[in-house]
Amino acid sequence: MENLYVTKVLKIGNSLGVVIPKEILVGIHMQRGDYVVFSGLGLGRFTARHLTDIEIKELKFYTEETQHLENHD
């Protein structure tokens, strides 16, 4: 049976955020500074996972390439 955790949405500056319980972070090997991707599933549900090193490199390349292309239009 899965463990369920309840937390509130908090105001963090001009944004909103949630605190991820330590037990979940340990179980998914996530730590401070990791990149997280969210997927909306509709009906008030979403998933979250941390990005792999390869995904981070691809994202950084895509972002840099996009900025480069935008600056030369």
N, C-alpha and C. Protein backbone atom coordinates (compact mmCIF):
# COMPACT_ATOMS: atom_id res chain seq x y z
N MET A 1 0.83 -1.18 0.00
CA MET A 1 0.00 0.00 0.00
C MET A 1 0.88 1.25 0.00
N GLU A 2 0.52 2.24 -0.81
CA GLU A 2 1.31 3.46 -0.89
C GLU A 2 1.04 4.36 0.31
N ASN A 3 2.06 5.12 0.71
CA ASN A 3 1.89 6.11 1.76
C ASN A 3 1.36 7.39 1.15
N LEU A 4 0.40 8.01 1.80
CA LEU A 4 -0.16 9.28 1.33
C LEU A 4 0.27 10.39 2.26
N TYR A 5 0.63 11.53 1.68
CA TYR A 5 1.04 12.70 2.45
C TYR A 5 0.17 13.87 2.02
N VAL A 6 -0.23 14.68 2.97
CA VAL A 6 -1.05 15.86 2.69
C VAL A 6 -0.22 17.09 3.05
N THR A 7 -0.22 18.08 2.17
CA THR A 7 0.48 19.33 2.41
C THR A 7 -0.34 20.46 1.82
N LYS A 8 -0.06 21.68 2.24
CA LYS A 8 -0.78 22.84 1.74
C LYS A 8 0.05 23.55 0.66
N VAL A 9 -0.62 24.22 -0.24
CA VAL A 9 0.05 25.06 -1.21
C VAL A 9 0.45 26.34 -0.47
N LEU A 10 1.73 26.70 -0.56
CA LEU A 10 2.27 27.86 0.14
C LEU A 10 2.61 28.98 -0.82
N LYS A 11 2.55 30.21 -0.33
CA LYS A 11 3.01 31.35 -1.12
C LYS A 11 4.51 31.49 -0.89
N ILE A 12 5.27 31.53 -1.98
CA ILE A 12 6.72 31.69 -1.93
C ILE A 12 7.06 32.86 -2.84
N GLY A 13 7.24 34.04 -2.28
CA GLY A 13 7.44 35.23 -3.09
C GLY A 13 6.19 35.50 -3.90
N ASN A 14 6.34 35.64 -5.22
CA ASN A 14 5.19 35.84 -6.11
C ASN A 14 4.67 34.53 -6.68
N SER A 15 5.20 33.41 -6.20
CA SER A 15 4.83 32.10 -6.72
C SER A 15 4.12 31.29 -5.65
N LEU A 16 3.73 30.09 -6.03
CA LEU A 16 3.16 29.13 -5.10
C LEU A 16 4.01 27.88 -5.12
N GLY A 17 4.03 27.15 -4.02
CA GLY A 17 4.83 25.94 -3.97
C GLY A 17 4.31 24.98 -2.93
N VAL A 18 4.85 23.78 -2.95
CA VAL A 18 4.52 22.77 -1.95
C VAL A 18 5.82 22.20 -1.40
N VAL A 19 5.76 21.75 -0.16
CA VAL A 19 6.90 21.09 0.46
C VAL A 19 6.76 19.59 0.20
N ILE A 20 7.81 18.99 -0.34
CA ILE A 20 7.79 17.55 -0.60
C ILE A 20 8.36 16.87 0.65
N PRO A 21 7.60 15.96 1.26
CA PRO A 21 8.07 15.29 2.47
C PRO A 21 9.40 14.57 2.25
N LYS A 22 10.24 14.60 3.29
CA LYS A 22 11.57 14.00 3.22
C LYS A 22 11.51 12.53 2.82
N GLU A 23 10.52 11.79 3.33
CA GLU A 23 10.41 10.37 3.02
C GLU A 23 10.25 10.13 1.51
N ILE A 24 9.52 11.01 0.86
CA ILE A 24 9.35 10.89 -0.60
C ILE A 24 10.65 11.24 -1.30
N LEU A 25 11.31 12.33 -0.88
CA LEU A 25 12.57 12.73 -1.50
C LEU A 25 13.61 11.63 -1.42
N VAL A 26 13.72 11.01 -0.25
CA VAL A 26 14.68 9.92 -0.08
C VAL A 26 14.32 8.75 -0.99
N GLY A 27 13.04 8.42 -1.05
CA GLY A 27 12.60 7.28 -1.85
C GLY A 27 12.81 7.44 -3.34
N ILE A 28 12.80 8.68 -3.84
CA ILE A 28 13.00 8.91 -5.28
C ILE A 28 14.37 9.52 -5.58
N HIS A 29 15.24 9.55 -4.56
CA HIS A 29 16.61 10.03 -4.72
C HIS A 29 16.65 11.47 -5.25
N MET A 30 15.81 12.32 -4.71
CA MET A 30 15.78 13.73 -5.11
C MET A 30 16.37 14.57 -3.98
N GLN A 31 17.09 15.61 -4.37
CA GLN A 31 17.67 16.49 -3.37
C GLN A 31 17.58 17.95 -3.82
N ARG A 32 17.90 18.83 -2.91
CA ARG A 32 17.86 20.26 -3.19
C ARG A 32 18.69 20.57 -4.42
N GLY A 33 18.13 21.38 -5.32
CA GLY A 33 18.83 21.77 -6.53
C GLY A 33 18.50 20.92 -7.75
N ASP A 34 17.86 19.78 -7.54
CA ASP A 34 17.46 18.94 -8.68
C ASP A 34 16.38 19.65 -9.50
N TYR A 35 16.35 19.38 -10.79
CA TYR A 35 15.31 19.90 -11.66
C TYR A 35 14.11 18.96 -11.62
N VAL A 36 12.91 19.55 -11.63
CA VAL A 36 11.68 18.77 -11.55
C VAL A 36 10.80 19.14 -12.74
N VAL A 37 10.15 18.14 -13.33
CA VAL A 37 9.21 18.38 -14.41
C VAL A 37 7.83 17.93 -13.93
N PHE A 38 6.81 18.76 -14.20
CA PHE A 38 5.44 18.47 -13.81
C PHE A 38 4.62 18.19 -15.06
N SER A 39 3.69 17.25 -14.95
CA SER A 39 2.75 16.94 -16.03
C SER A 39 1.34 17.00 -15.46
N GLY A 40 0.50 17.85 -16.07
CA GLY A 40 -0.90 17.93 -15.65
C GLY A 40 -1.68 16.78 -16.24
N LEU A 41 -2.45 16.10 -15.41
CA LEU A 41 -3.25 14.96 -15.86
C LEU A 41 -4.73 15.30 -15.96
N GLY A 42 -5.10 16.53 -15.62
CA GLY A 42 -6.51 16.90 -15.60
C GLY A 42 -7.18 16.39 -14.34
N LEU A 43 -8.40 16.79 -14.15
CA LEU A 43 -9.19 16.37 -12.99
C LEU A 43 -8.47 16.65 -11.67
N GLY A 44 -7.70 17.74 -11.62
CA GLY A 44 -7.02 18.12 -10.39
C GLY A 44 -5.82 17.27 -10.02
N ARG A 45 -5.24 16.56 -10.98
CA ARG A 45 -4.11 15.67 -10.71
C ARG A 45 -2.90 16.06 -11.54
N PHE A 46 -1.73 15.78 -11.01
CA PHE A 46 -0.49 15.96 -11.76
C PHE A 46 0.54 14.96 -11.27
N THR A 47 1.59 14.78 -12.06
CA THR A 47 2.73 13.98 -11.64
C THR A 47 3.95 14.88 -11.62
N ALA A 48 4.94 14.48 -10.87
CA ALA A 48 6.19 15.22 -10.81
C ALA A 48 7.33 14.20 -10.75
N ARG A 49 8.41 14.53 -11.42
CA ARG A 49 9.60 13.67 -11.34
C ARG A 49 10.83 14.54 -11.59
N HIS A 50 11.97 14.07 -11.13
CA HIS A 50 13.18 14.84 -11.40
C HIS A 50 13.75 14.44 -12.75
N LEU A 51 14.42 15.39 -13.38
CA LEU A 51 15.01 15.16 -14.70
C LEU A 51 16.32 14.40 -14.57
N THR A 52 16.60 13.56 -15.54
CA THR A 52 17.88 12.87 -15.59
C THR A 52 18.95 13.84 -16.09
N ASP A 53 20.21 13.49 -15.89
CA ASP A 53 21.31 14.35 -16.37
C ASP A 53 21.23 14.56 -17.87
N ILE A 54 20.86 13.52 -18.62
CA ILE A 54 20.74 13.65 -20.07
C ILE A 54 19.63 14.63 -20.44
N GLU A 55 18.48 14.53 -19.76
CA GLU A 55 17.37 15.46 -20.03
C GLU A 55 17.76 16.89 -19.72
N ILE A 56 18.52 17.11 -18.65
CA ILE A 56 18.96 18.45 -18.28
C ILE A 56 19.87 19.02 -19.37
N LYS A 57 20.81 18.20 -19.86
CA LYS A 57 21.71 18.65 -20.93
C LYS A 57 20.94 18.99 -22.19
N GLU A 58 19.95 18.15 -22.54
CA GLU A 58 19.13 18.42 -23.72
C GLU A 58 18.32 19.70 -23.54
N LEU A 59 17.76 19.91 -22.37
CA LEU A 59 16.97 21.10 -22.09
C LEU A 59 17.83 22.36 -22.17
N LYS A 60 19.02 22.31 -21.58
CA LYS A 60 19.93 23.45 -21.63
C LYS A 60 20.35 23.74 -23.06
N PHE A 61 20.63 22.69 -23.86
CA PHE A 61 21.00 22.89 -25.26
C PHE A 61 19.84 23.52 -26.01
N TYR A 62 18.64 23.00 -25.81
CA TYR A 62 17.46 23.53 -26.50
C TYR A 62 17.25 24.99 -26.14
N THR A 63 17.35 25.32 -24.86
CA THR A 63 17.15 26.70 -24.42
C THR A 63 18.21 27.62 -25.02
N GLU A 64 19.47 27.20 -24.99
CA GLU A 64 20.54 28.02 -25.56
C GLU A 64 20.37 28.19 -27.07
N GLU A 65 20.00 27.12 -27.76
CA GLU A 65 19.80 27.16 -29.21
C GLU A 65 18.62 28.06 -29.55
N THR A 66 17.55 27.98 -28.80
CA THR A 66 16.37 28.82 -29.03
C THR A 66 16.72 30.28 -28.84
N GLN A 67 17.45 30.60 -27.77
CA GLN A 67 17.85 31.98 -27.52
C GLN A 67 18.74 32.47 -28.65
N HIS A 68 19.64 31.62 -29.13
CA HIS A 68 20.54 31.98 -30.23
C HIS A 68 19.72 32.30 -31.49
N LEU A 69 18.75 31.47 -31.79
CA LEU A 69 17.92 31.69 -32.98
C LEU A 69 17.05 32.95 -32.84
N GLU A 70 16.54 33.21 -31.64
CA GLU A 70 15.70 34.38 -31.42
C GLU A 70 16.50 35.67 -31.57
N ASN A 71 17.77 35.63 -31.21
CA ASN A 71 18.61 36.82 -31.29
C ASN A 71 19.03 37.16 -32.71
N HIS A 72 18.85 36.22 -33.64
CA HIS A 72 19.26 36.45 -35.03
C HIS A 72 18.10 36.61 -35.99
N ASP A 73 16.88 36.79 -35.48
CA ASP A 73 15.71 37.00 -36.36
C ASP A 73 15.66 38.41 -36.88
